[in-house]
Amino acid sequence: MIQLNKISKIFGQLPKRTMALKYVDLNINKAEFIVIRGPNGSGKTTLLMCIGGMLQPSSGTVRINDQDIYLLNNKERSRFRASNIGFVFQMFYLIPYLNVLENIMISGGQTKNSKVNSKAYQLVENLGLSERIMNKPSELSVGERQRVALGRALIHQPQIILADEPTGNLDPQNASMVMQTLNDYHHNGGTVIVVTHGEDADPFSDRIIYLNNGEIK
């Protein structure tokens, strides 16, 4: 489903040039749960952003469902992401003036779509946010904000979820809820890629891939 061929990413110019990824090859099958583990600065987030069509590699190809996503123009790639990929970030990136329900529904820009609306209410309930549905992000705990971000990623049932340290700031109870939700999505046929330096995702994973200094070890 996902094919990375000789992916490299270079930041900066000589003499301060940094090679964040060094010719990474990786194939990921449909409905796999993959953990990419590595220390800070190993290139995990850079790799995730390249897979997600948000950061063009310096060289190599990223193919999803046989589509080379960096041959698409910016508008086409944006549409491709919206249709196929959900993102869960450690910093949440919720919209501060929207409530829980609105933040979940806003993902596809279809807040008046009855099907989206129904799915959003179901996610609010499944994620244990029913009592907080009208609250703004500033009124939520860290764990609640991460659950809202997860709901936003799931609302359109994408083929792929990319999660960057999704439990890094969470207490054990919230971390467990987030991982169980990702696991349920996986068992329903979704592909999950989690980058992390922790071990919360290990029990749910099909494979653990170790990244260090921009290379798969």
N, C-alpha and C. Protein backbone atom coordinates (compact mmCIF):
# COMPACT_ATOMS: atom_id res chain seq x y z
N MET A 1 0.82 -1.21 0.00
CA MET A 1 0.00 0.00 0.00
C MET A 1 0.86 1.26 0.00
N ILE A 2 1.92 1.26 0.81
CA ILE A 2 2.85 2.39 0.89
C ILE A 2 4.24 1.89 0.53
N GLN A 3 4.87 2.54 -0.44
CA GLN A 3 6.20 2.15 -0.88
C GLN A 3 7.13 3.36 -0.85
N LEU A 4 8.16 3.26 -0.03
CA LEU A 4 9.19 4.30 0.01
C LEU A 4 10.44 3.75 -0.66
N ASN A 5 10.96 4.49 -1.63
CA ASN A 5 12.13 4.04 -2.36
C ASN A 5 13.23 5.10 -2.29
N LYS A 6 14.30 4.77 -1.56
CA LYS A 6 15.49 5.61 -1.47
C LYS A 6 15.16 7.05 -1.05
N ILE A 7 14.37 7.18 0.02
CA ILE A 7 13.96 8.50 0.50
C ILE A 7 15.11 9.17 1.26
N SER A 8 15.47 10.35 0.81
CA SER A 8 16.42 11.17 1.56
C SER A 8 15.80 12.54 1.79
N LYS A 9 16.23 13.20 2.88
CA LYS A 9 15.79 14.57 3.14
C LYS A 9 16.94 15.35 3.72
N ILE A 10 17.26 16.45 3.05
CA ILE A 10 18.38 17.30 3.45
C ILE A 10 17.83 18.66 3.85
N PHE A 11 18.28 19.16 5.00
CA PHE A 11 17.92 20.49 5.46
C PHE A 11 19.18 21.37 5.46
N GLY A 12 19.02 22.63 5.06
CA GLY A 12 20.12 23.57 5.12
C GLY A 12 21.09 23.44 3.97
N GLN A 13 22.13 24.25 4.02
CA GLN A 13 23.16 24.30 2.99
C GLN A 13 24.53 24.04 3.62
N LEU A 14 25.46 23.61 2.77
CA LEU A 14 26.84 23.45 3.24
C LEU A 14 27.36 24.79 3.76
N PRO A 15 28.15 24.82 4.83
CA PRO A 15 28.72 23.66 5.55
C PRO A 15 27.84 23.15 6.69
N LYS A 16 26.61 23.70 6.82
CA LYS A 16 25.75 23.31 7.94
C LYS A 16 24.61 22.40 7.48
N ARG A 17 24.80 21.70 6.41
CA ARG A 17 23.77 20.83 5.86
C ARG A 17 23.54 19.62 6.76
N THR A 18 22.27 19.27 6.96
CA THR A 18 21.90 18.09 7.76
C THR A 18 21.12 17.13 6.90
N MET A 19 21.52 15.87 6.91
CA MET A 19 20.80 14.84 6.17
C MET A 19 19.93 14.09 7.17
N ALA A 20 18.65 14.44 7.21
CA ALA A 20 17.74 13.88 8.21
C ALA A 20 17.32 12.46 7.88
N LEU A 21 17.20 12.13 6.60
CA LEU A 21 16.87 10.78 6.14
C LEU A 21 17.90 10.36 5.10
N LYS A 22 18.34 9.11 5.20
CA LYS A 22 19.43 8.63 4.35
C LYS A 22 18.98 7.42 3.54
N TYR A 23 18.32 7.69 2.42
CA TYR A 23 17.96 6.67 1.43
C TYR A 23 17.18 5.51 2.06
N VAL A 24 16.05 5.88 2.65
CA VAL A 24 15.21 4.91 3.36
C VAL A 24 14.34 4.14 2.36
N ASP A 25 14.37 2.82 2.48
CA ASP A 25 13.47 1.93 1.75
C ASP A 25 12.51 1.29 2.75
N LEU A 26 11.21 1.34 2.46
CA LEU A 26 10.23 0.76 3.38
C LEU A 26 8.94 0.47 2.63
N ASN A 27 8.41 -0.74 2.80
CA ASN A 27 7.10 -1.11 2.27
C ASN A 27 6.15 -1.40 3.43
N ILE A 28 4.93 -0.87 3.36
CA ILE A 28 3.92 -1.07 4.39
C ILE A 28 2.66 -1.59 3.72
N ASN A 29 2.15 -2.69 4.23
CA ASN A 29 0.97 -3.33 3.64
C ASN A 29 -0.31 -2.70 4.15
N LYS A 30 -1.37 -2.88 3.39
CA LYS A 30 -2.70 -2.42 3.81
C LYS A 30 -3.06 -3.11 5.13
N ALA A 31 -3.64 -2.35 6.07
CA ALA A 31 -4.13 -2.84 7.36
C ALA A 31 -3.01 -3.32 8.27
N GLU A 32 -1.78 -2.83 8.08
CA GLU A 32 -0.71 -3.08 9.03
C GLU A 32 -0.71 -2.00 10.11
N PHE A 33 -0.26 -2.37 11.29
CA PHE A 33 -0.02 -1.42 12.38
C PHE A 33 1.49 -1.38 12.58
N ILE A 34 2.10 -0.27 12.18
CA ILE A 34 3.55 -0.14 12.19
C ILE A 34 3.97 0.87 13.26
N VAL A 35 4.96 0.51 14.05
CA VAL A 35 5.61 1.44 14.97
C VAL A 35 6.99 1.77 14.41
N ILE A 36 7.28 3.06 14.30
CA ILE A 36 8.62 3.50 13.92
C ILE A 36 9.24 4.13 15.17
N ARG A 37 10.24 3.49 15.69
CA ARG A 37 10.84 3.88 16.97
C ARG A 37 12.22 4.45 16.75
N GLY A 38 12.55 5.43 17.56
CA GLY A 38 13.90 5.99 17.50
C GLY A 38 14.05 7.12 18.48
N PRO A 39 15.28 7.49 18.81
CA PRO A 39 15.51 8.60 19.74
C PRO A 39 15.17 9.94 19.09
N ASN A 40 15.12 10.98 19.91
CA ASN A 40 14.91 12.32 19.39
C ASN A 40 16.00 12.64 18.36
N GLY A 41 15.58 13.23 17.23
CA GLY A 41 16.54 13.58 16.20
C GLY A 41 16.89 12.47 15.25
N SER A 42 16.19 11.34 15.36
CA SER A 42 16.51 10.19 14.50
C SER A 42 15.91 10.30 13.10
N GLY A 43 14.96 11.23 12.90
CA GLY A 43 14.33 11.39 11.60
C GLY A 43 12.91 10.86 11.54
N LYS A 44 12.35 10.45 12.70
CA LYS A 44 11.02 9.82 12.73
C LYS A 44 9.94 10.75 12.17
N THR A 45 9.88 11.97 12.71
CA THR A 45 8.83 12.89 12.28
C THR A 45 9.03 13.30 10.82
N THR A 46 10.27 13.51 10.42
CA THR A 46 10.56 13.84 9.02
C THR A 46 10.05 12.74 8.11
N LEU A 47 10.28 11.48 8.48
CA LEU A 47 9.81 10.36 7.68
C LEU A 47 8.28 10.34 7.61
N LEU A 48 7.64 10.59 8.74
CA LEU A 48 6.18 10.59 8.77
C LEU A 48 5.61 11.68 7.87
N MET A 49 6.22 12.87 7.91
CA MET A 49 5.75 13.98 7.08
C MET A 49 5.95 13.69 5.60
N CYS A 50 7.02 13.00 5.26
CA CYS A 50 7.24 12.60 3.86
C CYS A 50 6.18 11.60 3.41
N ILE A 51 5.88 10.63 4.27
CA ILE A 51 4.85 9.64 3.93
C ILE A 51 3.50 10.32 3.75
N GLY A 52 3.22 11.32 4.57
CA GLY A 52 1.92 11.98 4.56
C GLY A 52 1.75 13.06 3.50
N GLY A 53 2.75 13.26 2.66
CA GLY A 53 2.62 14.24 1.60
C GLY A 53 2.75 15.68 2.07
N MET A 54 3.35 15.89 3.23
CA MET A 54 3.48 17.23 3.79
C MET A 54 4.91 17.77 3.70
N LEU A 55 5.86 16.93 3.31
CA LEU A 55 7.27 17.35 3.23
C LEU A 55 7.91 16.58 2.09
N GLN A 56 8.24 17.28 1.01
CA GLN A 56 8.79 16.60 -0.16
C GLN A 56 10.21 16.14 0.11
N PRO A 57 10.51 14.87 -0.16
CA PRO A 57 11.87 14.37 0.02
C PRO A 57 12.84 15.07 -0.93
N SER A 58 14.12 15.08 -0.55
CA SER A 58 15.15 15.62 -1.43
C SER A 58 15.41 14.68 -2.59
N SER A 59 15.20 13.38 -2.35
CA SER A 59 15.30 12.40 -3.43
C SER A 59 14.47 11.19 -3.06
N GLY A 60 14.18 10.35 -4.05
CA GLY A 60 13.39 9.14 -3.81
C GLY A 60 11.92 9.35 -4.11
N THR A 61 11.14 8.27 -3.98
CA THR A 61 9.72 8.33 -4.29
C THR A 61 8.89 7.79 -3.13
N VAL A 62 7.70 8.36 -2.98
CA VAL A 62 6.69 7.90 -2.02
C VAL A 62 5.45 7.54 -2.82
N ARG A 63 5.10 6.27 -2.82
CA ARG A 63 3.92 5.80 -3.55
C ARG A 63 2.89 5.26 -2.57
N ILE A 64 1.65 5.72 -2.71
CA ILE A 64 0.53 5.23 -1.92
C ILE A 64 -0.53 4.75 -2.90
N ASN A 65 -0.90 3.48 -2.76
CA ASN A 65 -1.84 2.88 -3.71
C ASN A 65 -1.40 3.11 -5.16
N ASP A 66 -0.09 2.94 -5.39
CA ASP A 66 0.52 3.06 -6.72
C ASP A 66 0.55 4.49 -7.26
N GLN A 67 0.22 5.47 -6.42
CA GLN A 67 0.30 6.87 -6.83
C GLN A 67 1.55 7.51 -6.24
N ASP A 68 2.43 8.01 -7.10
CA ASP A 68 3.58 8.79 -6.63
C ASP A 68 3.06 10.15 -6.18
N ILE A 69 2.96 10.34 -4.88
CA ILE A 69 2.23 11.51 -4.37
C ILE A 69 2.97 12.83 -4.64
N TYR A 70 4.28 12.77 -4.88
CA TYR A 70 5.01 14.00 -5.14
C TYR A 70 5.08 14.34 -6.63
N LEU A 71 4.40 13.55 -7.47
CA LEU A 71 4.16 13.96 -8.85
C LEU A 71 2.87 14.76 -8.96
N LEU A 72 2.06 14.78 -7.89
CA LEU A 72 0.86 15.59 -7.84
C LEU A 72 1.24 17.04 -7.54
N ASN A 73 0.45 17.99 -8.05
CA ASN A 73 0.69 19.38 -7.66
C ASN A 73 0.13 19.61 -6.25
N ASN A 74 0.37 20.77 -5.69
CA ASN A 74 -0.01 21.03 -4.30
C ASN A 74 -1.49 20.83 -4.05
N LYS A 75 -2.34 21.31 -4.97
CA LYS A 75 -3.78 21.18 -4.79
C LYS A 75 -4.21 19.72 -4.88
N GLU A 76 -3.66 18.99 -5.84
CA GLU A 76 -3.98 17.57 -5.99
C GLU A 76 -3.52 16.76 -4.78
N ARG A 77 -2.33 17.10 -4.29
CA ARG A 77 -1.80 16.37 -3.13
C ARG A 77 -2.62 16.67 -1.88
N SER A 78 -3.08 17.89 -1.74
CA SER A 78 -3.94 18.25 -0.62
C SER A 78 -5.24 17.45 -0.65
N ARG A 79 -5.84 17.32 -1.83
CA ARG A 79 -7.06 16.53 -1.97
C ARG A 79 -6.79 15.06 -1.66
N PHE A 80 -5.64 14.57 -2.12
CA PHE A 80 -5.27 13.17 -1.87
C PHE A 80 -5.15 12.93 -0.36
N ARG A 81 -4.49 13.83 0.35
CA ARG A 81 -4.35 13.70 1.81
C ARG A 81 -5.71 13.69 2.48
N ALA A 82 -6.58 14.63 2.09
CA ALA A 82 -7.89 14.74 2.72
C ALA A 82 -8.71 13.48 2.53
N SER A 83 -8.53 12.80 1.40
CA SER A 83 -9.33 11.62 1.09
C SER A 83 -8.76 10.33 1.69
N ASN A 84 -7.44 10.30 1.93
CA ASN A 84 -6.79 9.04 2.25
C ASN A 84 -6.08 8.98 3.58
N ILE A 85 -5.74 10.13 4.17
CA ILE A 85 -4.83 10.14 5.32
C ILE A 85 -5.40 10.98 6.45
N GLY A 86 -5.34 10.44 7.67
CA GLY A 86 -5.66 11.19 8.87
C GLY A 86 -4.39 11.38 9.70
N PHE A 87 -4.21 12.57 10.26
CA PHE A 87 -3.01 12.89 11.03
C PHE A 87 -3.35 13.11 12.50
N VAL A 88 -2.51 12.57 13.37
CA VAL A 88 -2.62 12.82 14.81
C VAL A 88 -1.25 13.35 15.27
N PHE A 89 -1.23 14.61 15.72
CA PHE A 89 0.03 15.25 16.10
C PHE A 89 0.14 15.36 17.63
N GLN A 90 1.36 15.36 18.10
CA GLN A 90 1.60 15.49 19.54
C GLN A 90 1.10 16.85 20.06
N MET A 91 1.14 17.88 19.22
CA MET A 91 0.75 19.23 19.66
C MET A 91 -0.72 19.54 19.33
N PHE A 92 -1.46 18.56 18.84
CA PHE A 92 -2.92 18.61 18.65
C PHE A 92 -3.38 19.48 17.49
N TYR A 93 -2.98 20.77 17.46
CA TYR A 93 -3.40 21.70 16.41
C TYR A 93 -4.91 21.81 16.29
N LEU A 94 -5.58 21.94 17.44
CA LEU A 94 -7.02 22.18 17.43
C LEU A 94 -7.29 23.66 17.17
N ILE A 95 -8.49 23.95 16.65
CA ILE A 95 -8.86 25.34 16.39
C ILE A 95 -9.45 25.92 17.67
N PRO A 96 -8.82 26.96 18.25
CA PRO A 96 -9.15 27.38 19.61
C PRO A 96 -10.56 27.92 19.80
N TYR A 97 -11.18 28.48 18.75
CA TYR A 97 -12.51 29.08 18.91
C TYR A 97 -13.64 28.10 18.60
N LEU A 98 -13.30 26.83 18.26
CA LEU A 98 -14.32 25.81 18.00
C LEU A 98 -14.43 24.86 19.18
N ASN A 99 -15.64 24.32 19.40
CA ASN A 99 -15.81 23.36 20.49
C ASN A 99 -15.39 21.96 20.04
N VAL A 100 -15.54 20.99 20.94
CA VAL A 100 -15.10 19.63 20.67
C VAL A 100 -15.74 19.08 19.40
N LEU A 101 -17.07 19.17 19.32
CA LEU A 101 -17.78 18.62 18.16
C LEU A 101 -17.34 19.30 16.87
N GLU A 102 -17.22 20.62 16.90
CA GLU A 102 -16.84 21.37 15.70
C GLU A 102 -15.42 21.05 15.26
N ASN A 103 -14.51 20.88 16.22
CA ASN A 103 -13.13 20.53 15.87
C ASN A 103 -13.06 19.16 15.20
N ILE A 104 -13.88 18.24 15.64
CA ILE A 104 -13.89 16.91 15.02
C ILE A 104 -14.48 16.98 13.62
N MET A 105 -15.55 17.74 13.44
CA MET A 105 -16.23 17.80 12.15
C MET A 105 -15.49 18.63 11.11
N ILE A 106 -14.64 19.57 11.53
CA ILE A 106 -14.05 20.53 10.61
C ILE A 106 -13.05 19.90 9.65
N SER A 107 -12.62 18.69 9.93
CA SER A 107 -11.55 18.05 9.17
C SER A 107 -11.79 18.09 7.66
N GLY A 108 -13.00 17.78 7.23
CA GLY A 108 -13.27 17.76 5.79
C GLY A 108 -14.01 18.96 5.28
N GLY A 109 -14.25 19.94 6.15
CA GLY A 109 -14.98 21.12 5.72
C GLY A 109 -16.43 20.83 5.39
N GLN A 110 -17.01 19.78 5.99
CA GLN A 110 -18.39 19.41 5.67
C GLN A 110 -19.23 19.38 6.96
N THR A 111 -19.19 20.45 7.70
CA THR A 111 -19.83 20.47 9.01
C THR A 111 -21.36 20.40 8.92
N LYS A 112 -21.93 20.65 7.73
CA LYS A 112 -23.39 20.59 7.60
C LYS A 112 -23.86 19.27 6.98
N ASN A 113 -22.91 18.39 6.74
CA ASN A 113 -23.25 17.08 6.18
C ASN A 113 -23.79 16.20 7.29
N SER A 114 -25.03 15.67 7.10
CA SER A 114 -25.68 14.92 8.18
C SER A 114 -24.91 13.64 8.52
N LYS A 115 -24.31 13.01 7.52
CA LYS A 115 -23.55 11.79 7.77
C LYS A 115 -22.31 12.10 8.61
N VAL A 116 -21.62 13.19 8.26
CA VAL A 116 -20.45 13.62 9.03
C VAL A 116 -20.88 13.96 10.45
N ASN A 117 -22.00 14.65 10.58
CA ASN A 117 -22.50 15.06 11.88
C ASN A 117 -22.79 13.85 12.76
N SER A 118 -23.44 12.85 12.21
CA SER A 118 -23.76 11.63 12.95
C SER A 118 -22.50 10.89 13.38
N LYS A 119 -21.54 10.79 12.46
CA LYS A 119 -20.28 10.12 12.77
C LYS A 119 -19.53 10.87 13.87
N ALA A 120 -19.56 12.20 13.83
CA ALA A 120 -18.87 13.00 14.83
C ALA A 120 -19.45 12.76 16.23
N TYR A 121 -20.77 12.72 16.34
CA TYR A 121 -21.40 12.45 17.63
C TYR A 121 -21.01 11.06 18.14
N GLN A 122 -20.92 10.09 17.23
CA GLN A 122 -20.53 8.74 17.63
C GLN A 122 -19.09 8.72 18.14
N LEU A 123 -18.21 9.45 17.46
CA LEU A 123 -16.82 9.52 17.90
C LEU A 123 -16.70 10.22 19.26
N VAL A 124 -17.47 11.27 19.45
CA VAL A 124 -17.47 11.96 20.75
C VAL A 124 -17.81 10.98 21.87
N GLU A 125 -18.82 10.16 21.63
CA GLU A 125 -19.22 9.18 22.64
C GLU A 125 -18.15 8.11 22.83
N ASN A 126 -17.63 7.58 21.71
CA ASN A 126 -16.63 6.51 21.79
C ASN A 126 -15.35 6.97 22.49
N LEU A 127 -15.03 8.25 22.33
CA LEU A 127 -13.80 8.79 22.91
C LEU A 127 -14.01 9.35 24.32
N GLY A 128 -15.19 9.14 24.87
CA GLY A 128 -15.45 9.57 26.24
C GLY A 128 -15.50 11.07 26.41
N LEU A 129 -16.00 11.78 25.40
CA LEU A 129 -16.01 13.24 25.42
C LEU A 129 -17.42 13.83 25.46
N SER A 130 -18.42 13.00 25.71
CA SER A 130 -19.81 13.47 25.64
C SER A 130 -20.07 14.64 26.58
N GLU A 131 -19.49 14.61 27.78
CA GLU A 131 -19.73 15.68 28.75
C GLU A 131 -18.93 16.95 28.43
N ARG A 132 -18.05 16.86 27.45
CA ARG A 132 -17.20 18.01 27.10
C ARG A 132 -17.49 18.53 25.69
N ILE A 133 -18.59 18.08 25.10
CA ILE A 133 -18.84 18.29 23.69
C ILE A 133 -18.89 19.77 23.30
N MET A 134 -19.30 20.66 24.20
CA MET A 134 -19.42 22.08 23.89
C MET A 134 -18.21 22.88 24.38
N ASN A 135 -17.23 22.21 24.96
CA ASN A 135 -16.06 22.92 25.48
C ASN A 135 -15.06 23.26 24.37
N LYS A 136 -14.36 24.39 24.55
CA LYS A 136 -13.27 24.79 23.66
C LYS A 136 -11.97 24.11 24.11
N PRO A 137 -10.98 24.03 23.22
CA PRO A 137 -9.72 23.35 23.58
C PRO A 137 -9.07 23.86 24.87
N SER A 138 -9.16 25.16 25.13
CA SER A 138 -8.53 25.72 26.33
C SER A 138 -9.19 25.22 27.61
N GLU A 139 -10.39 24.66 27.49
CA GLU A 139 -11.14 24.16 28.66
C GLU A 139 -10.97 22.65 28.84
N LEU A 140 -10.11 22.04 28.03
CA LEU A 140 -9.92 20.60 28.07
C LEU A 140 -8.56 20.25 28.67
N SER A 141 -8.49 19.05 29.22
CA SER A 141 -7.20 18.53 29.67
C SER A 141 -6.36 18.13 28.45
N VAL A 142 -5.08 17.86 28.68
CA VAL A 142 -4.19 17.43 27.60
C VAL A 142 -4.72 16.15 26.96
N GLY A 143 -5.14 15.19 27.79
CA GLY A 143 -5.65 13.93 27.27
C GLY A 143 -6.92 14.11 26.45
N GLU A 144 -7.79 15.00 26.90
CA GLU A 144 -9.03 15.26 26.16
C GLU A 144 -8.73 15.90 24.82
N ARG A 145 -7.76 16.81 24.79
CA ARG A 145 -7.39 17.45 23.52
C ARG A 145 -6.85 16.43 22.53
N GLN A 146 -6.05 15.49 23.03
CA GLN A 146 -5.52 14.48 22.13
C GLN A 146 -6.63 13.58 21.59
N ARG A 147 -7.64 13.30 22.42
CA ARG A 147 -8.76 12.49 21.95
C ARG A 147 -9.58 13.23 20.90
N VAL A 148 -9.72 14.55 21.06
CA VAL A 148 -10.40 15.35 20.03
C VAL A 148 -9.62 15.28 18.72
N ALA A 149 -8.29 15.42 18.82
CA ALA A 149 -7.45 15.36 17.62
C ALA A 149 -7.57 13.99 16.94
N LEU A 150 -7.69 12.95 17.73
CA LEU A 150 -7.86 11.61 17.19
C LEU A 150 -9.21 11.48 16.47
N GLY A 151 -10.27 12.03 17.09
CA GLY A 151 -11.58 12.03 16.46
C GLY A 151 -11.57 12.76 15.14
N ARG A 152 -10.87 13.89 15.09
CA ARG A 152 -10.76 14.66 13.85
C ARG A 152 -10.08 13.84 12.74
N ALA A 153 -9.06 13.06 13.13
CA ALA A 153 -8.36 12.23 12.15
C ALA A 153 -9.22 11.09 11.63
N LEU A 154 -10.15 10.62 12.46
CA LEU A 154 -10.95 9.44 12.11
C LEU A 154 -12.27 9.76 11.42
N ILE A 155 -12.69 11.03 11.43
CA ILE A 155 -14.05 11.38 11.06
C ILE A 155 -14.41 10.91 9.64
N HIS A 156 -13.48 10.95 8.72
CA HIS A 156 -13.80 10.55 7.36
C HIS A 156 -13.29 9.16 7.03
N GLN A 157 -12.95 8.40 8.06
CA GLN A 157 -12.53 7.01 7.92
C GLN A 157 -11.47 6.85 6.81
N PRO A 158 -10.33 7.51 6.98
CA PRO A 158 -9.27 7.43 5.96
C PRO A 158 -8.67 6.03 5.91
N GLN A 159 -7.95 5.75 4.84
CA GLN A 159 -7.27 4.47 4.73
C GLN A 159 -6.08 4.37 5.68
N ILE A 160 -5.47 5.52 5.98
CA ILE A 160 -4.21 5.55 6.72
C ILE A 160 -4.31 6.57 7.85
N ILE A 161 -3.84 6.19 9.03
CA ILE A 161 -3.64 7.14 10.13
C ILE A 161 -2.15 7.25 10.41
N LEU A 162 -1.63 8.47 10.41
CA LEU A 162 -0.25 8.76 10.77
C LEU A 162 -0.26 9.49 12.10
N ALA A 163 0.42 8.92 13.09
CA ALA A 163 0.39 9.47 14.45
C ALA A 163 1.80 9.76 14.94
N ASP A 164 2.05 11.01 15.29
CA ASP A 164 3.37 11.45 15.75
C ASP A 164 3.36 11.59 17.26
N GLU A 165 3.98 10.66 17.95
CA GLU A 165 4.04 10.65 19.42
C GLU A 165 2.64 10.88 20.02
N PRO A 166 1.64 10.09 19.66
CA PRO A 166 0.27 10.38 20.08
C PRO A 166 0.03 10.23 21.58
N THR A 167 0.92 9.54 22.29
CA THR A 167 0.75 9.39 23.74
C THR A 167 1.87 10.06 24.53
N GLY A 168 2.69 10.86 23.84
CA GLY A 168 3.88 11.42 24.48
C GLY A 168 3.59 12.32 25.66
N ASN A 169 2.44 13.02 25.65
CA ASN A 169 2.12 13.95 26.74
C ASN A 169 0.99 13.44 27.63
N LEU A 170 0.64 12.16 27.51
CA LEU A 170 -0.58 11.67 28.16
C LEU A 170 -0.29 10.82 29.38
N ASP A 171 -1.24 10.84 30.33
CA ASP A 171 -1.18 9.92 31.46
C ASP A 171 -1.57 8.52 30.99
N PRO A 172 -1.28 7.48 31.79
CA PRO A 172 -1.52 6.10 31.34
C PRO A 172 -2.95 5.83 30.90
N GLN A 173 -3.95 6.40 31.59
CA GLN A 173 -5.33 6.12 31.23
C GLN A 173 -5.67 6.68 29.84
N ASN A 174 -5.28 7.93 29.59
CA ASN A 174 -5.55 8.53 28.29
C ASN A 174 -4.72 7.88 27.19
N ALA A 175 -3.49 7.52 27.51
CA ALA A 175 -2.64 6.84 26.53
C ALA A 175 -3.28 5.52 26.11
N SER A 176 -3.82 4.78 27.08
CA SER A 176 -4.46 3.51 26.79
C SER A 176 -5.68 3.70 25.90
N MET A 177 -6.47 4.74 26.17
CA MET A 177 -7.67 4.99 25.36
C MET A 177 -7.30 5.34 23.93
N VAL A 178 -6.28 6.16 23.75
CA VAL A 178 -5.84 6.54 22.40
C VAL A 178 -5.34 5.32 21.64
N MET A 179 -4.52 4.49 22.30
CA MET A 179 -3.98 3.32 21.61
C MET A 179 -5.08 2.31 21.29
N GLN A 180 -6.05 2.15 22.18
CA GLN A 180 -7.14 1.22 21.92
C GLN A 180 -7.99 1.69 20.74
N THR A 181 -8.19 3.00 20.63
CA THR A 181 -8.95 3.55 19.51
C THR A 181 -8.22 3.31 18.20
N LEU A 182 -6.90 3.52 18.19
CA LEU A 182 -6.11 3.24 16.99
C LEU A 182 -6.14 1.75 16.65
N ASN A 183 -6.13 0.91 17.68
CA ASN A 183 -6.17 -0.53 17.47
C ASN A 183 -7.51 -0.97 16.87
N ASP A 184 -8.60 -0.36 17.35
CA ASP A 184 -9.92 -0.68 16.80
C ASP A 184 -9.99 -0.29 15.32
N TYR A 185 -9.47 0.89 15.01
CA TYR A 185 -9.42 1.35 13.61
C TYR A 185 -8.61 0.36 12.76
N HIS A 186 -7.49 -0.10 13.30
CA HIS A 186 -6.64 -1.07 12.61
C HIS A 186 -7.40 -2.36 12.35
N HIS A 187 -8.11 -2.87 13.35
CA HIS A 187 -8.82 -4.14 13.19
C HIS A 187 -10.02 -4.01 12.25
N ASN A 188 -10.43 -2.78 11.97
CA ASN A 188 -11.49 -2.55 10.99
C ASN A 188 -10.93 -2.32 9.59
N GLY A 189 -9.63 -2.59 9.41
CA GLY A 189 -9.02 -2.52 8.09
C GLY A 189 -8.17 -1.32 7.81
N GLY A 190 -7.96 -0.44 8.81
CA GLY A 190 -7.15 0.74 8.61
C GLY A 190 -5.66 0.46 8.79
N THR A 191 -4.85 1.26 8.13
CA THR A 191 -3.39 1.18 8.25
C THR A 191 -2.93 2.25 9.23
N VAL A 192 -2.13 1.87 10.20
CA VAL A 192 -1.67 2.80 11.25
C VAL A 192 -0.15 2.84 11.24
N ILE A 193 0.39 4.06 11.25
CA ILE A 193 1.83 4.26 11.42
C ILE A 193 2.03 5.21 12.59
N VAL A 194 2.67 4.72 13.63
CA VAL A 194 2.94 5.51 14.83
C VAL A 194 4.44 5.72 14.95
N VAL A 195 4.88 6.97 15.07
CA VAL A 195 6.28 7.23 15.37
C VAL A 195 6.39 7.62 16.83
N THR A 196 7.38 7.07 17.51
CA THR A 196 7.47 7.25 18.95
C THR A 196 8.85 6.86 19.45
N HIS A 197 9.20 7.35 20.63
CA HIS A 197 10.39 6.82 21.29
C HIS A 197 9.99 5.98 22.50
N GLY A 198 8.66 5.87 22.74
CA GLY A 198 8.16 5.08 23.85
C GLY A 198 7.68 3.71 23.41
N GLU A 199 7.01 3.02 24.33
CA GLU A 199 6.60 1.63 24.07
C GLU A 199 5.09 1.42 24.16
N ASP A 200 4.30 2.48 24.27
CA ASP A 200 2.85 2.33 24.44
C ASP A 200 2.20 1.58 23.28
N ALA A 201 2.73 1.77 22.07
CA ALA A 201 2.10 1.17 20.89
C ALA A 201 2.58 -0.25 20.61
N ASP A 202 3.63 -0.69 21.28
CA ASP A 202 4.23 -1.99 20.95
C ASP A 202 3.25 -3.16 20.99
N PRO A 203 2.40 -3.27 22.04
CA PRO A 203 1.52 -4.44 22.09
C PRO A 203 0.52 -4.53 20.95
N PHE A 204 0.28 -3.42 20.26
CA PHE A 204 -0.71 -3.38 19.19
C PHE A 204 -0.08 -3.54 17.80
N SER A 205 1.23 -3.52 17.72
CA SER A 205 1.90 -3.41 16.43
C SER A 205 2.11 -4.76 15.75
N ASP A 206 2.13 -4.72 14.42
CA ASP A 206 2.53 -5.88 13.62
C ASP A 206 4.04 -5.90 13.42
N ARG A 207 4.62 -4.71 13.32
CA ARG A 207 6.07 -4.60 13.15
C ARG A 207 6.57 -3.37 13.89
N ILE A 208 7.79 -3.46 14.41
CA ILE A 208 8.47 -2.32 15.00
C ILE A 208 9.72 -2.07 14.17
N ILE A 209 9.84 -0.85 13.65
CA ILE A 209 10.96 -0.48 12.78
C ILE A 209 11.80 0.54 13.53
N TYR A 210 13.10 0.28 13.62
CA TYR A 210 14.00 1.14 14.38
C TYR A 210 14.72 2.09 13.44
N LEU A 211 14.59 3.38 13.73
CA LEU A 211 15.22 4.43 12.94
C LEU A 211 16.25 5.14 13.80
N ASN A 212 17.45 5.29 13.28
CA ASN A 212 18.49 6.00 14.03
C ASN A 212 19.38 6.76 13.04
N ASN A 213 19.59 8.03 13.32
CA ASN A 213 20.45 8.86 12.47
C ASN A 213 20.01 8.82 11.01
N GLY A 214 18.67 8.78 10.82
CA GLY A 214 18.12 8.85 9.47
C GLY A 214 18.13 7.55 8.69
N GLU A 215 18.48 6.45 9.36
CA GLU A 215 18.55 5.16 8.68
C GLU A 215 17.76 4.10 9.44
N ILE A 216 17.15 3.17 8.69
CA ILE A 216 16.49 2.02 9.32
C ILE A 216 17.54 1.02 9.75
N LYS A 217 17.51 0.67 11.04
CA LYS A 217 18.51 -0.24 11.58
C LYS A 217 17.97 -1.66 11.71
